[in-house]
C-alpha atoms as a PDB file:
ATOM      1  CA  UNK A   1     -32.979 -76.552 -66.829  1.00  0.00           C
ATOM      2  CA  UNK A   2     -31.163 -73.481 -67.971  1.00  0.00           C
ATOM      3  CA  UNK A   3     -31.384 -69.807 -66.477  1.00  0.00           C
ATOM      4  CA  UNK A   4     -32.777 -68.660 -70.046  1.00  0.00           C
ATOM      5  CA  UNK A   5     -35.226 -71.605 -70.273  1.00  0.00           C
ATOM      6  CA  UNK A   6     -36.398 -71.052 -66.777  1.00  0.00           C
ATOM      7  CA  UNK A   7     -36.909 -67.285 -67.292  1.00  0.00           C
ATOM      8  CA  UNK A   8     -38.936 -68.066 -70.405  1.00  0.00           C
ATOM      9  CA  UNK A   9     -40.964 -70.717 -68.758  1.00  0.00           C
ATOM     10  CA  UNK A  10     -41.912 -68.324 -65.608  1.00  0.00           C
ATOM     11  CA  UNK A  11     -42.523 -65.268 -67.862  1.00  0.00           C
ATOM     12  CA  UNK A  12     -44.965 -67.290 -69.918  1.00  0.00           C
ATOM     13  CA  UNK A  13     -46.771 -68.778 -66.982  1.00  0.00           C
ATOM     14  CA  UNK A  14     -47.004 -65.064 -65.474  1.00  0.00           C
ATOM     15  CA  UNK A  15     -48.323 -63.677 -68.778  1.00  0.00           C
ATOM     16  CA  UNK A  16     -50.707 -66.310 -68.749  1.00  0.00           C
ATOM     17  CA  UNK A  17     -52.242 -65.351 -65.587  1.00  0.00           C
ATOM     18  CA  UNK A  18     -52.232 -61.804 -66.614  1.00  0.00           C
ATOM     19  CA  UNK A  19     -54.245 -62.359 -69.567  1.00  0.00           C
ATOM     20  CA  UNK A  20     -56.619 -64.593 -67.588  1.00  0.00           C
ATOM     21  CA  UNK A  21     -57.039 -61.629 -65.203  1.00  0.00           C
ATOM     22  CA  UNK A  22     -57.487 -59.197 -68.037  1.00  0.00           C
ATOM     23  CA  UNK A  23     -60.253 -61.285 -69.350  1.00  0.00           C
ATOM     24  CA  UNK A  24     -61.918 -61.611 -65.966  1.00  0.00           C
ATOM     25  CA  UNK A  25     -61.883 -57.822 -65.478  1.00  0.00           C
ATOM     26  CA  UNK A  26     -63.349 -57.207 -68.951  1.00  0.00           C
ATOM     27  CA  UNK A  27     -66.161 -59.883 -67.828  1.00  0.00           C
ATOM     28  CA  UNK A  28     -66.581 -58.189 -64.537  1.00  0.00           C
ATOM     29  CA  UNK A  29     -67.488 -54.773 -66.032  1.00  0.00           C
ATOM     30  CA  UNK A  30     -70.974 -56.176 -66.768  1.00  0.00           C
ATOM     31  CA  UNK A  31     -71.631 -57.695 -63.391  1.00  0.00           C
ATOM     32  CA  UNK A  32     -73.767 -56.447 -60.751  1.00  0.00           C
ATOM     33  CA  UNK A  33     -72.453 -53.680 -58.562  1.00  0.00           C
ATOM     34  CA  UNK A  34     -71.837 -55.821 -55.478  1.00  0.00           C
ATOM     35  CA  UNK A  35     -70.137 -58.592 -57.393  1.00  0.00           C
ATOM     36  CA  UNK A  36     -68.066 -56.276 -59.409  1.00  0.00           C
ATOM     37  CA  UNK A  37     -66.826 -54.625 -56.164  1.00  0.00           C
ATOM     38  CA  UNK A  38     -65.928 -57.889 -54.469  1.00  0.00           C
ATOM     39  CA  UNK A  39     -64.255 -59.148 -57.790  1.00  0.00           C
ATOM     40  CA  UNK A  40     -62.339 -55.777 -58.417  1.00  0.00           C
ATOM     41  CA  UNK A  41     -60.897 -56.231 -54.969  1.00  0.00           C
ATOM     42  CA  UNK A  42     -59.869 -59.728 -55.455  1.00  0.00           C
ATOM     43  CA  UNK A  43     -58.290 -58.905 -58.781  1.00  0.00           C
ATOM     44  CA  UNK A  44     -56.334 -55.928 -57.295  1.00  0.00           C
ATOM     45  CA  UNK A  45     -54.882 -58.663 -54.957  1.00  0.00           C
ATOM     46  CA  UNK A  46     -53.966 -60.965 -57.607  1.00  0.00           C
ATOM     47  CA  UNK A  47     -52.547 -58.056 -59.697  1.00  0.00           C
ATOM     48  CA  UNK A  48     -50.141 -57.178 -56.891  1.00  0.00           C
ATOM     49  CA  UNK A  49     -49.023 -60.770 -56.882  1.00  0.00           C
ATOM     50  CA  UNK A  50     -48.277 -60.722 -60.594  1.00  0.00           C
ATOM     51  CA  UNK A  51     -46.346 -57.591 -60.132  1.00  0.00           C
ATOM     52  CA  UNK A  52     -44.376 -59.438 -57.248  1.00  0.00           C
ATOM     53  CA  UNK A  53     -43.636 -62.546 -59.651  1.00  0.00           C
ATOM     54  CA  UNK A  54     -42.560 -60.102 -62.314  1.00  0.00           C
ATOM     55  CA  UNK A  55     -40.114 -58.353 -59.990  1.00  0.00           C
ATOM     56  CA  UNK A  56     -38.673 -61.622 -58.829  1.00  0.00           C
ATOM     57  CA  UNK A  57     -38.390 -62.533 -62.523  1.00  0.00           C
ATOM     58  CA  UNK A  58     -36.444 -59.196 -63.201  1.00  0.00           C
ATOM     59  CA  UNK A  59     -34.147 -60.054 -60.329  1.00  0.00           C
ATOM     60  CA  UNK A  60     -33.508 -63.352 -61.769  1.00  0.00           C
ATOM     61  CA  UNK A  61     -32.841 -62.027 -65.231  1.00  0.00           C
ATOM     62  CA  UNK A  62     -30.129 -59.600 -63.714  1.00  0.00           C
ATOM     63  CA  UNK A  63     -28.324 -62.194 -61.669  1.00  0.00           C
ATOM     64  CA  UNK A  64     -25.297 -63.818 -63.139  1.00  0.00           C
ATOM     65  CA  UNK A  65     -24.991 -67.412 -63.888  1.00  0.00           C
ATOM     66  CA  UNK A  66     -23.426 -68.231 -60.624  1.00  0.00           C
ATOM     67  CA  UNK A  67     -26.256 -66.526 -58.427  1.00  0.00           C
ATOM     68  CA  UNK A  68     -29.442 -67.149 -60.317  1.00  0.00           C
ATOM     69  CA  UNK A  69     -29.962 -70.679 -58.598  1.00  0.00           C
ATOM     70  CA  UNK A  70     -30.171 -68.887 -55.375  1.00  0.00           C
ATOM     71  CA  UNK A  71     -32.805 -66.437 -56.669  1.00  0.00           C
ATOM     72  CA  UNK A  72     -34.541 -69.136 -58.218  1.00  0.00           C
ATOM     73  CA  UNK A  73     -36.129 -70.196 -55.070  1.00  0.00           C
ATOM     74  CA  UNK A  74     -37.575 -66.796 -54.418  1.00  0.00           C
ATOM     75  CA  UNK A  75     -39.142 -66.838 -57.928  1.00  0.00           C
ATOM     76  CA  UNK A  76     -40.628 -70.181 -57.372  1.00  0.00           C
ATOM     77  CA  UNK A  77     -42.009 -69.137 -53.995  1.00  0.00           C
ATOM     78  CA  UNK A  78     -43.606 -66.021 -55.869  1.00  0.00           C
ATOM     79  CA  UNK A  79     -44.939 -68.013 -58.574  1.00  0.00           C
ATOM     80  CA  UNK A  80     -46.391 -70.627 -55.999  1.00  0.00           C
ATOM     81  CA  UNK A  81     -48.215 -67.772 -54.356  1.00  0.00           C
ATOM     82  CA  UNK A  82     -49.538 -66.346 -57.527  1.00  0.00           C
ATOM     83  CA  UNK A  83     -50.733 -69.604 -58.972  1.00  0.00           C
ATOM     84  CA  UNK A  84     -52.521 -70.609 -55.660  1.00  0.00           C
ATOM     85  CA  UNK A  85     -54.303 -67.305 -55.428  1.00  0.00           C
ATOM     86  CA  UNK A  86     -55.082 -67.398 -59.296  1.00  0.00           C
ATOM     87  CA  UNK A  87     -56.671 -70.904 -58.560  1.00  0.00           C
ATOM     88  CA  UNK A  88     -58.558 -69.815 -55.926  1.00  0.00           C
ATOM     89  CA  UNK A  89     -59.898 -66.720 -57.375  1.00  0.00           C
ATOM     90  CA  UNK A  90     -60.940 -68.193 -60.927  1.00  0.00           C
ATOM     91  CA  UNK A  91     -62.575 -70.947 -59.082  1.00  0.00           C
ATOM     92  CA  UNK A  92     -64.645 -68.595 -56.816  1.00  0.00           C
ATOM     93  CA  UNK A  93     -65.572 -66.388 -59.762  1.00  0.00           C
ATOM     94  CA  UNK A  94     -65.656 -68.735 -62.548  1.00  0.00           C
ATOM     95  CA  UNK A  95     -63.456 -66.524 -64.580  1.00  0.00           C
END
């Protein structure tokens, strides 16, 4: 997979998780206070993981053709962490 294709794929995956989180945040506003508080805390954690994945993607974008393969592993780890956290969050809160 080329660098550009990989970046587009990862960017789309991150954007999808961000959109799901935004939808969950909108639905949480109508929840009971205790549920909303717990949900907001978990969404904050997920938001930080989205930001970390975006930062890795930005570093990957800035890398030259020769160096991007080395940074790809870091981006994969960040995506894996985000993906696992999102799965757990969305399963728990049915978002």
